[in-house]
């Protein structure tokens, strides 16, 4: 079945029914159903984009209600467009929920075997969700072009391997992000990908010195190279830049826009 939209208690979001059947909450928000005002209309869940803090916290309350979660039931990383992956422990409960000061610093990937939820924010970058059935572990990674060229998804898989889990057992899902249709990059970025990957079929020349970059395919390729199997990879294939009627897009709307949330949690 793959990714599908669901009308929840109040909000509409994307989820994966196959994962839910295994006791994994997984969701990706849309931009609607909150109380935010233009240019953050209406369900902005990011505290770091200049929106009114009280409105963002109210929106987060609405989002948490969808998952029957409280403020100490989840953790947030700082997201600095890097590749650091950190193991989340029960003592980290609540970090980053109500303010930026308490986020896990310098982290773009979170992994846990606890029942804590992991939450990250997106407005074109690729949300990568992981579930390892044997380890009973979940993860979320923030993979923009920097995270993708730095292979953050591979680093999460290596973390599972370090925990004595087989990479081939892992499930991975790519949520909505900017698609190749809307994502043009310059020669500097092209060169970095060509240095990091043996082959780059996900780069298609456009105008001189530029190319269209397919982050979905780039992440899929590195997952396969790391040992993930095709039947365990789900991709939403929804472009956030094409669909600003439903999602925030930094590329299309500029820096003054909101953030969607990715959420994953193992329910005991």
C-alpha atoms as a PDB file:
ATOM      1  CA  UNK A   1       0.000   0.000   0.000  1.00  0.00           C
ATOM      2  CA  UNK A   2       2.766   2.492   0.884  1.00  0.00           C
ATOM      3  CA  UNK A   3       2.273   6.060   2.038  1.00  0.00           C
ATOM      4  CA  UNK A   4      -1.319   7.289   2.232  1.00  0.00           C
ATOM      5  CA  UNK A   5      -3.175  10.296   3.598  1.00  0.00           C
ATOM      6  CA  UNK A   6      -5.219   9.874   6.745  1.00  0.00           C
ATOM      7  CA  UNK A   7      -7.744  12.137   8.389  1.00  0.00           C
ATOM      8  CA  UNK A   8      -6.933  11.943  12.076  1.00  0.00           C
ATOM      9  CA  UNK A   9      -8.655  13.421  15.103  1.00  0.00           C
ATOM     10  CA  UNK A  10      -8.229  16.919  13.720  1.00  0.00           C
ATOM     11  CA  UNK A  11      -5.285  16.867  11.324  1.00  0.00           C
ATOM     12  CA  UNK A  12      -4.640  15.244   7.957  1.00  0.00           C
ATOM     13  CA  UNK A  13      -1.256  13.570   7.640  1.00  0.00           C
ATOM     14  CA  UNK A  14       0.619  10.884   5.730  1.00  0.00           C
ATOM     15  CA  UNK A  15       1.243   7.483   7.274  1.00  0.00           C
ATOM     16  CA  UNK A  16       2.313   3.914   6.444  1.00  0.00           C
ATOM     17  CA  UNK A  17      -0.337   1.307   7.317  1.00  0.00           C
ATOM     18  CA  UNK A  18       2.155  -1.584   6.967  1.00  0.00           C
ATOM     19  CA  UNK A  19       4.326  -0.047   9.662  1.00  0.00           C
ATOM     20  CA  UNK A  20       1.365   0.684  11.902  1.00  0.00           C
ATOM     21  CA  UNK A  21       0.375  -2.977  11.755  1.00  0.00           C
ATOM     22  CA  UNK A  22       3.748  -3.704  13.371  1.00  0.00           C
ATOM     23  CA  UNK A  23       3.110  -1.260  16.223  1.00  0.00           C
ATOM     24  CA  UNK A  24       5.050   1.645  14.722  1.00  0.00           C
ATOM     25  CA  UNK A  25       3.524   5.097  14.713  1.00  0.00           C
ATOM     26  CA  UNK A  26       4.797   6.976  11.671  1.00  0.00           C
ATOM     27  CA  UNK A  27       3.527  10.231  10.275  1.00  0.00           C
ATOM     28  CA  UNK A  28       4.325  13.273   8.166  1.00  0.00           C
ATOM     29  CA  UNK A  29       2.231  16.407   8.638  1.00  0.00           C
ATOM     30  CA  UNK A  30       0.722  18.698   6.031  1.00  0.00           C
ATOM     31  CA  UNK A  31       0.626  22.470   6.368  1.00  0.00           C
ATOM     32  CA  UNK A  32      -3.078  22.629   7.286  1.00  0.00           C
ATOM     33  CA  UNK A  33      -5.183  22.286  10.412  1.00  0.00           C
ATOM     34  CA  UNK A  34      -3.246  24.583  12.745  1.00  0.00           C
ATOM     35  CA  UNK A  35      -3.588  28.138  13.979  1.00  0.00           C
ATOM     36  CA  UNK A  36      -0.613  29.819  12.285  1.00  0.00           C
ATOM     37  CA  UNK A  37      -0.894  32.986  10.215  1.00  0.00           C
ATOM     38  CA  UNK A  38       0.642  33.936   6.869  1.00  0.00           C
ATOM     39  CA  UNK A  39       3.397  33.157   5.877  1.00  0.00           C
ATOM     40  CA  UNK A  40       3.283  30.237   8.341  1.00  0.00           C
ATOM     41  CA  UNK A  41      -0.287  29.277   7.630  1.00  0.00           C
ATOM     42  CA  UNK A  42      -1.300  27.172   9.335  1.00  0.00           C
ATOM     43  CA  UNK A  43       0.321  24.086  10.910  1.00  0.00           C
ATOM     44  CA  UNK A  44       3.915  25.264  11.235  1.00  0.00           C
ATOM     45  CA  UNK A  45       5.641  22.942  13.705  1.00  0.00           C
ATOM     46  CA  UNK A  46       9.120  24.477  13.632  1.00  0.00           C
ATOM     47  CA  UNK A  47      10.274  26.850  16.379  1.00  0.00           C
ATOM     48  CA  UNK A  48      13.361  27.961  14.440  1.00  0.00           C
ATOM     49  CA  UNK A  49      11.790  29.807  11.497  1.00  0.00           C
ATOM     50  CA  UNK A  50      10.664  33.088  13.083  1.00  0.00           C
ATOM     51  CA  UNK A  51       7.047  32.184  13.804  1.00  0.00           C
ATOM     52  CA  UNK A  52       5.248  33.141  17.009  1.00  0.00           C
ATOM     53  CA  UNK A  53       6.370  30.653  19.672  1.00  0.00           C
ATOM     54  CA  UNK A  54       2.992  30.336  21.367  1.00  0.00           C
ATOM     55  CA  UNK A  55       1.311  29.479  18.069  1.00  0.00           C
ATOM     56  CA  UNK A  56       3.951  26.883  17.230  1.00  0.00           C
ATOM     57  CA  UNK A  57       3.579  25.259  20.643  1.00  0.00           C
ATOM     58  CA  UNK A  58      -0.177  25.150  20.219  1.00  0.00           C
ATOM     59  CA  UNK A  59       0.335  23.510  16.824  1.00  0.00           C
ATOM     60  CA  UNK A  60       2.664  20.978  18.424  1.00  0.00           C
ATOM     61  CA  UNK A  61      -0.018  20.183  20.971  1.00  0.00           C
ATOM     62  CA  UNK A  62      -2.412  19.433  18.119  1.00  0.00           C
ATOM     63  CA  UNK A  63       0.189  17.206  16.479  1.00  0.00           C
ATOM     64  CA  UNK A  64       0.919  15.332  19.718  1.00  0.00           C
ATOM     65  CA  UNK A  65      -2.783  14.733  20.275  1.00  0.00           C
ATOM     66  CA  UNK A  66      -2.884  12.780  17.016  1.00  0.00           C
ATOM     67  CA  UNK A  67      -0.400  10.311  18.542  1.00  0.00           C
ATOM     68  CA  UNK A  68      -1.777  10.290  22.088  1.00  0.00           C
ATOM     69  CA  UNK A  69       1.579  11.720  23.155  1.00  0.00           C
ATOM     70  CA  UNK A  70       2.639  14.091  25.930  1.00  0.00           C
ATOM     71  CA  UNK A  71       5.529  16.588  26.061  1.00  0.00           C
ATOM     72  CA  UNK A  72       7.897  14.067  27.612  1.00  0.00           C
ATOM     73  CA  UNK A  73       7.116  11.327  25.103  1.00  0.00           C
ATOM     74  CA  UNK A  74       9.476  12.450  22.329  1.00  0.00           C
ATOM     75  CA  UNK A  75      12.855  13.967  21.427  1.00  0.00           C
ATOM     76  CA  UNK A  76      14.045  16.515  18.832  1.00  0.00           C
ATOM     77  CA  UNK A  77      17.517  17.036  17.363  1.00  0.00           C
ATOM     78  CA  UNK A  78      18.996  20.393  16.347  1.00  0.00           C
ATOM     79  CA  UNK A  79      19.209  19.668  12.577  1.00  0.00           C
ATOM     80  CA  UNK A  80      22.297  21.471  11.271  1.00  0.00           C
ATOM     81  CA  UNK A  81      22.375  19.876   7.784  1.00  0.00           C
ATOM     82  CA  UNK A  82      25.154  17.520   8.853  1.00  0.00           C
ATOM     83  CA  UNK A  83      25.386  13.739   9.253  1.00  0.00           C
ATOM     84  CA  UNK A  84      25.678  13.090  12.996  1.00  0.00           C
ATOM     85  CA  UNK A  85      23.434  10.271  14.240  1.00  0.00           C
ATOM     86  CA  UNK A  86      22.748   9.954  17.962  1.00  0.00           C
ATOM     87  CA  UNK A  87      21.259   7.190  20.074  1.00  0.00           C
ATOM     88  CA  UNK A  88      18.313   8.462  22.114  1.00  0.00           C
ATOM     89  CA  UNK A  89      17.875   7.144  25.666  1.00  0.00           C
ATOM     90  CA  UNK A  90      14.942   7.449  28.109  1.00  0.00           C
ATOM     91  CA  UNK A  91      16.850  10.194  29.969  1.00  0.00           C
ATOM     92  CA  UNK A  92      16.502  12.385  26.867  1.00  0.00           C
ATOM     93  CA  UNK A  93      12.710  12.464  27.148  1.00  0.00           C
ATOM     94  CA  UNK A  94      11.193  15.830  26.279  1.00  0.00           C
ATOM     95  CA  UNK A  95      14.322  17.441  24.861  1.00  0.00           C
ATOM     96  CA  UNK A  96      13.488  20.087  22.272  1.00  0.00           C
ATOM     97  CA  UNK A  97       9.754  19.790  22.710  1.00  0.00           C
ATOM     98  CA  UNK A  98       8.960  23.195  24.154  1.00  0.00           C
ATOM     99  CA  UNK A  99      12.076  25.168  23.210  1.00  0.00           C
ATOM    100  CA  UNK A 100      15.158  25.154  21.010  1.00  0.00           C
ATOM    101  CA  UNK A 101      17.629  25.361  23.898  1.00  0.00           C
ATOM    102  CA  UNK A 102      17.107  21.754  24.977  1.00  0.00           C
ATOM    103  CA  UNK A 103      17.347  20.005  21.579  1.00  0.00           C
ATOM    104  CA  UNK A 104      20.043  17.378  21.115  1.00  0.00           C
ATOM    105  CA  UNK A 105      22.818  19.596  19.671  1.00  0.00           C
ATOM    106  CA  UNK A 106      24.396  19.083  16.258  1.00  0.00           C
ATOM    107  CA  UNK A 107      22.225  16.085  15.400  1.00  0.00           C
ATOM    108  CA  UNK A 108      20.370  15.302  12.148  1.00  0.00           C
ATOM    109  CA  UNK A 109      19.678  11.632  12.823  1.00  0.00           C
ATOM    110  CA  UNK A 110      18.042  10.026  15.862  1.00  0.00           C
ATOM    111  CA  UNK A 111      17.907   6.329  16.759  1.00  0.00           C
ATOM    112  CA  UNK A 112      16.193   4.658  19.699  1.00  0.00           C
ATOM    113  CA  UNK A 113      15.123   1.283  21.038  1.00  0.00           C
ATOM    114  CA  UNK A 114      12.972   3.014  23.664  1.00  0.00           C
ATOM    115  CA  UNK A 115       9.306   3.941  23.330  1.00  0.00           C
ATOM    116  CA  UNK A 116      10.189   7.617  22.913  1.00  0.00           C
ATOM    117  CA  UNK A 117       8.928   9.319  19.781  1.00  0.00           C
ATOM    118  CA  UNK A 118      11.441  10.907  17.419  1.00  0.00           C
ATOM    119  CA  UNK A 119      10.448  14.131  15.674  1.00  0.00           C
ATOM    120  CA  UNK A 120      12.187  16.177  12.974  1.00  0.00           C
ATOM    121  CA  UNK A 121      11.182  19.072  10.721  1.00  0.00           C
ATOM    122  CA  UNK A 122      11.182  19.510   6.961  1.00  0.00           C
ATOM    123  CA  UNK A 123      10.368  21.940   4.153  1.00  0.00           C
ATOM    124  CA  UNK A 124      11.933  20.263   1.069  1.00  0.00           C
ATOM    125  CA  UNK A 125      14.671  18.105   2.660  1.00  0.00           C
ATOM    126  CA  UNK A 126      14.070  14.355   2.617  1.00  0.00           C
ATOM    127  CA  UNK A 127      12.592  12.779   5.759  1.00  0.00           C
ATOM    128  CA  UNK A 128      13.996   9.268   6.107  1.00  0.00           C
ATOM    129  CA  UNK A 129      12.217   6.904   8.510  1.00  0.00           C
ATOM    130  CA  UNK A 130      13.699   3.603   9.697  1.00  0.00           C
ATOM    131  CA  UNK A 131      12.286   0.573  11.488  1.00  0.00           C
ATOM    132  CA  UNK A 132      14.382  -2.451  12.412  1.00  0.00           C
ATOM    133  CA  UNK A 133      12.008  -5.280  13.426  1.00  0.00           C
ATOM    134  CA  UNK A 134      14.650  -7.487  15.039  1.00  0.00           C
ATOM    135  CA  UNK A 135      16.201  -4.737  17.137  1.00  0.00           C
ATOM    136  CA  UNK A 136      12.804  -3.126  17.801  1.00  0.00           C
ATOM    137  CA  UNK A 137      14.525   0.138  16.920  1.00  0.00           C
ATOM    138  CA  UNK A 138      13.296   3.201  15.045  1.00  0.00           C
ATOM    139  CA  UNK A 139      15.076   6.191  13.567  1.00  0.00           C
ATOM    140  CA  UNK A 140      14.475   9.414  11.700  1.00  0.00           C
ATOM    141  CA  UNK A 141      16.999  11.333   9.604  1.00  0.00           C
ATOM    142  CA  UNK A 142      16.979  14.784   8.015  1.00  0.00           C
ATOM    143  CA  UNK A 143      18.560  14.465   4.554  1.00  0.00           C
ATOM    144  CA  UNK A 144      18.883  17.593   2.468  1.00  0.00           C
ATOM    145  CA  UNK A 145      21.537  17.631  -0.230  1.00  0.00           C
ATOM    146  CA  UNK A 146      24.281  17.910   2.402  1.00  0.00           C
ATOM    147  CA  UNK A 147      22.921  15.025   4.430  1.00  0.00           C
ATOM    148  CA  UNK A 148      22.425  12.971   1.290  1.00  0.00           C
ATOM    149  CA  UNK A 149      25.908  13.543  -0.116  1.00  0.00           C
ATOM    150  CA  UNK A 150      27.256  12.821   3.373  1.00  0.00           C
ATOM    151  CA  UNK A 151      25.207   9.584   3.371  1.00  0.00           C
ATOM    152  CA  UNK A 152      23.367  10.095   6.643  1.00  0.00           C
ATOM    153  CA  UNK A 153      20.932   7.282   5.773  1.00  0.00           C
ATOM    154  CA  UNK A 154      23.895   4.927   5.454  1.00  0.00           C
ATOM    155  CA  UNK A 155      25.128   6.064   8.863  1.00  0.00           C
ATOM    156  CA  UNK A 156      21.797   5.127  10.427  1.00  0.00           C
ATOM    157  CA  UNK A 157      22.047   1.659   8.892  1.00  0.00           C
ATOM    158  CA  UNK A 158      25.585   1.312  10.249  1.00  0.00           C
ATOM    159  CA  UNK A 159      24.258   2.245  13.685  1.00  0.00           C
ATOM    160  CA  UNK A 160      21.794  -0.646  13.446  1.00  0.00           C
ATOM    161  CA  UNK A 161      24.646  -2.890  12.349  1.00  0.00           C
ATOM    162  CA  UNK A 162      26.660  -1.782  15.383  1.00  0.00           C
ATOM    163  CA  UNK A 163      23.679  -2.847  17.469  1.00  0.00           C
ATOM    164  CA  UNK A 164      24.045  -6.341  15.934  1.00  0.00           C
ATOM    165  CA  UNK A 165      21.179  -5.945  13.501  1.00  0.00           C
ATOM    166  CA  UNK A 166      21.244  -7.032   9.869  1.00  0.00           C
ATOM    167  CA  UNK A 167      20.895  -4.123   7.454  1.00  0.00           C
ATOM    168  CA  UNK A 168      18.844  -6.307   5.104  1.00  0.00           C
ATOM    169  CA  UNK A 169      16.161  -6.606   7.814  1.00  0.00           C
ATOM    170  CA  UNK A 170      15.669  -2.843   8.058  1.00  0.00           C
ATOM    171  CA  UNK A 171      12.634  -1.043   6.684  1.00  0.00           C
ATOM    172  CA  UNK A 172      13.155   2.453   5.271  1.00  0.00           C
ATOM    173  CA  UNK A 173      10.652   5.068   4.100  1.00  0.00           C
ATOM    174  CA  UNK A 174      11.308   8.312   2.243  1.00  0.00           C
ATOM    175  CA  UNK A 175       8.671  10.943   2.923  1.00  0.00           C
ATOM    176  CA  UNK A 176       7.609  13.955   0.828  1.00  0.00           C
ATOM    177  CA  UNK A 177      10.397  16.351  -0.187  1.00  0.00           C
ATOM    178  CA  UNK A 178      11.446  18.425  -3.142  1.00  0.00           C
ATOM    179  CA  UNK A 179      11.534  16.342  -6.318  1.00  0.00           C
ATOM    180  CA  UNK A 180      13.929  16.410  -9.246  1.00  0.00           C
ATOM    181  CA  UNK A 181      11.224  18.290 -11.146  1.00  0.00           C
ATOM    182  CA  UNK A 182      11.857  21.374  -8.980  1.00  0.00           C
ATOM    183  CA  UNK A 183      15.349  20.905  -7.573  1.00  0.00           C
ATOM    184  CA  UNK A 184      18.112  22.463  -9.648  1.00  0.00           C
ATOM    185  CA  UNK A 185      21.632  22.597  -8.183  1.00  0.00           C
ATOM    186  CA  UNK A 186      24.866  24.224  -9.308  1.00  0.00           C
ATOM    187  CA  UNK A 187      28.196  22.781 -10.382  1.00  0.00           C
ATOM    188  CA  UNK A 188      29.629  22.790  -6.857  1.00  0.00           C
ATOM    189  CA  UNK A 189      26.905  20.472  -5.587  1.00  0.00           C
ATOM    190  CA  UNK A 190      27.110  18.317  -8.719  1.00  0.00           C
ATOM    191  CA  UNK A 191      30.828  17.809  -8.168  1.00  0.00           C
ATOM    192  CA  UNK A 192      30.334  16.806  -4.533  1.00  0.00           C
ATOM    193  CA  UNK A 193      27.856  14.102  -5.520  1.00  0.00           C
ATOM    194  CA  UNK A 194      30.109  12.841  -8.287  1.00  0.00           C
ATOM    195  CA  UNK A 195      32.929  12.530  -5.758  1.00  0.00           C
ATOM    196  CA  UNK A 196      30.758  10.742  -3.184  1.00  0.00           C
ATOM    197  CA  UNK A 197      28.920   8.285  -5.482  1.00  0.00           C
ATOM    198  CA  UNK A 198      30.336   5.818  -7.995  1.00  0.00           C
ATOM    199  CA  UNK A 199      27.470   6.562 -10.382  1.00  0.00           C
ATOM    200  CA  UNK A 200      25.065   9.505 -10.423  1.00  0.00           C
ATOM    201  CA  UNK A 201      22.018   8.587 -12.541  1.00  0.00           C
ATOM    202  CA  UNK A 202      20.013  10.849 -10.236  1.00  0.00           C
ATOM    203  CA  UNK A 203      21.702  13.947 -11.729  1.00  0.00           C
ATOM    204  CA  UNK A 204      20.315  15.223 -15.042  1.00  0.00           C
ATOM    205  CA  UNK A 205      21.951  18.223 -16.779  1.00  0.00           C
ATOM    206  CA  UNK A 206      19.674  21.218 -17.240  1.00  0.00           C
ATOM    207  CA  UNK A 207      21.135  24.589 -18.205  1.00  0.00           C
ATOM    208  CA  UNK A 208      24.921  25.190 -18.395  1.00  0.00           C
ATOM    209  CA  UNK A 209      26.583  24.597 -15.017  1.00  0.00           C
ATOM    210  CA  UNK A 210      23.394  23.244 -13.440  1.00  0.00           C
ATOM    211  CA  UNK A 211      21.462  19.996 -13.119  1.00  0.00           C
ATOM    212  CA  UNK A 212      18.245  18.575 -11.713  1.00  0.00           C
ATOM    213  CA  UNK A 213      18.974  16.520  -8.588  1.00  0.00           C
ATOM    214  CA  UNK A 214      16.751  13.599  -7.566  1.00  0.00           C
ATOM    215  CA  UNK A 215      17.267  13.234  -3.811  1.00  0.00           C
ATOM    216  CA  UNK A 216      14.803  10.339  -3.618  1.00  0.00           C
ATOM    217  CA  UNK A 217      16.839   8.238  -6.036  1.00  0.00           C
ATOM    218  CA  UNK A 218      20.150   9.313  -4.517  1.00  0.00           C
ATOM    219  CA  UNK A 219      19.004   8.126  -1.093  1.00  0.00           C
ATOM    220  CA  UNK A 220      17.544   4.937  -2.531  1.00  0.00           C
ATOM    221  CA  UNK A 221      20.851   4.164  -4.249  1.00  0.00           C
ATOM    222  CA  UNK A 222      22.907   4.627  -1.086  1.00  0.00           C
ATOM    223  CA  UNK A 223      20.443   2.505   0.905  1.00  0.00           C
ATOM    224  CA  UNK A 224      20.784  -0.320  -1.611  1.00  0.00           C
ATOM    225  CA  UNK A 225      24.561   0.003  -1.655  1.00  0.00           C
ATOM    226  CA  UNK A 226      24.573  -0.286   2.138  1.00  0.00           C
ATOM    227  CA  UNK A 227      22.626  -3.548   2.026  1.00  0.00           C
ATOM    228  CA  UNK A 228      18.956  -2.554   2.254  1.00  0.00           C
ATOM    229  CA  UNK A 229      16.631  -4.560   0.014  1.00  0.00           C
ATOM    230  CA  UNK A 230      14.276  -2.945  -2.531  1.00  0.00           C
ATOM    231  CA  UNK A 231      11.098  -4.480  -1.084  1.00  0.00           C
ATOM    232  CA  UNK A 232      11.882  -2.842   2.266  1.00  0.00           C
ATOM    233  CA  UNK A 233      12.066   0.700   0.849  1.00  0.00           C
ATOM    234  CA  UNK A 234       8.960   2.889   0.598  1.00  0.00           C
ATOM    235  CA  UNK A 235       8.982   6.254  -1.189  1.00  0.00           C
ATOM    236  CA  UNK A 236       6.182   8.813  -1.062  1.00  0.00           C
ATOM    237  CA  UNK A 237       7.386  10.423  -4.343  1.00  0.00           C
ATOM    238  CA  UNK A 238       5.498  13.625  -3.508  1.00  0.00           C
ATOM    239  CA  UNK A 239       7.218  16.912  -4.353  1.00  0.00           C
ATOM    240  CA  UNK A 240       6.764  19.542  -1.647  1.00  0.00           C
ATOM    241  CA  UNK A 241       7.662  22.346  -4.076  1.00  0.00           C
ATOM    242  CA  UNK A 242       4.980  21.248  -6.543  1.00  0.00           C
ATOM    243  CA  UNK A 243       2.367  20.951  -3.791  1.00  0.00           C
ATOM    244  CA  UNK A 244       2.528  24.091  -1.676  1.00  0.00           C
ATOM    245  CA  UNK A 245      -1.239  23.696  -1.416  1.00  0.00           C
ATOM    246  CA  UNK A 246      -0.439  20.912   1.079  1.00  0.00           C
ATOM    247  CA  UNK A 247       3.185  21.379   2.178  1.00  0.00           C
ATOM    248  CA  UNK A 248       5.671  24.109   3.064  1.00  0.00           C
ATOM    249  CA  UNK A 249       8.535  24.577   0.586  1.00  0.00           C
ATOM    250  CA  UNK A 250      11.667  26.566   1.354  1.00  0.00           C
ATOM    251  CA  UNK A 251      12.745  26.491  -2.290  1.00  0.00           C
ATOM    252  CA  UNK A 252       9.454  27.803  -3.661  1.00  0.00           C
ATOM    253  CA  UNK A 253       8.309  30.070  -0.823  1.00  0.00           C
ATOM    254  CA  UNK A 254      11.610  31.357   0.553  1.00  0.00           C
ATOM    255  CA  UNK A 255      12.951  31.377   4.131  1.00  0.00           C
ATOM    256  CA  UNK A 256       9.761  32.805   5.613  1.00  0.00           C
ATOM    257  CA  UNK A 257       7.736  29.618   5.646  1.00  0.00           C
ATOM    258  CA  UNK A 258       6.857  26.838   8.046  1.00  0.00           C
ATOM    259  CA  UNK A 259       7.993  23.275   8.634  1.00  0.00           C
ATOM    260  CA  UNK A 260       6.232  19.933   8.495  1.00  0.00           C
ATOM    261  CA  UNK A 261       7.006  17.320  11.145  1.00  0.00           C
ATOM    262  CA  UNK A 262       8.115  13.760  10.691  1.00  0.00           C
ATOM    263  CA  UNK A 263       7.179  11.479  13.590  1.00  0.00           C
ATOM    264  CA  UNK A 264       8.077   7.897  14.426  1.00  0.00           C
ATOM    265  CA  UNK A 265       7.507   5.952  17.642  1.00  0.00           C
ATOM    266  CA  UNK A 266       7.490   2.327  18.684  1.00  0.00           C
ATOM    267  CA  UNK A 267       4.471   1.573  20.810  1.00  0.00           C
ATOM    268  CA  UNK A 268       5.084  -1.095  23.455  1.00  0.00           C
END
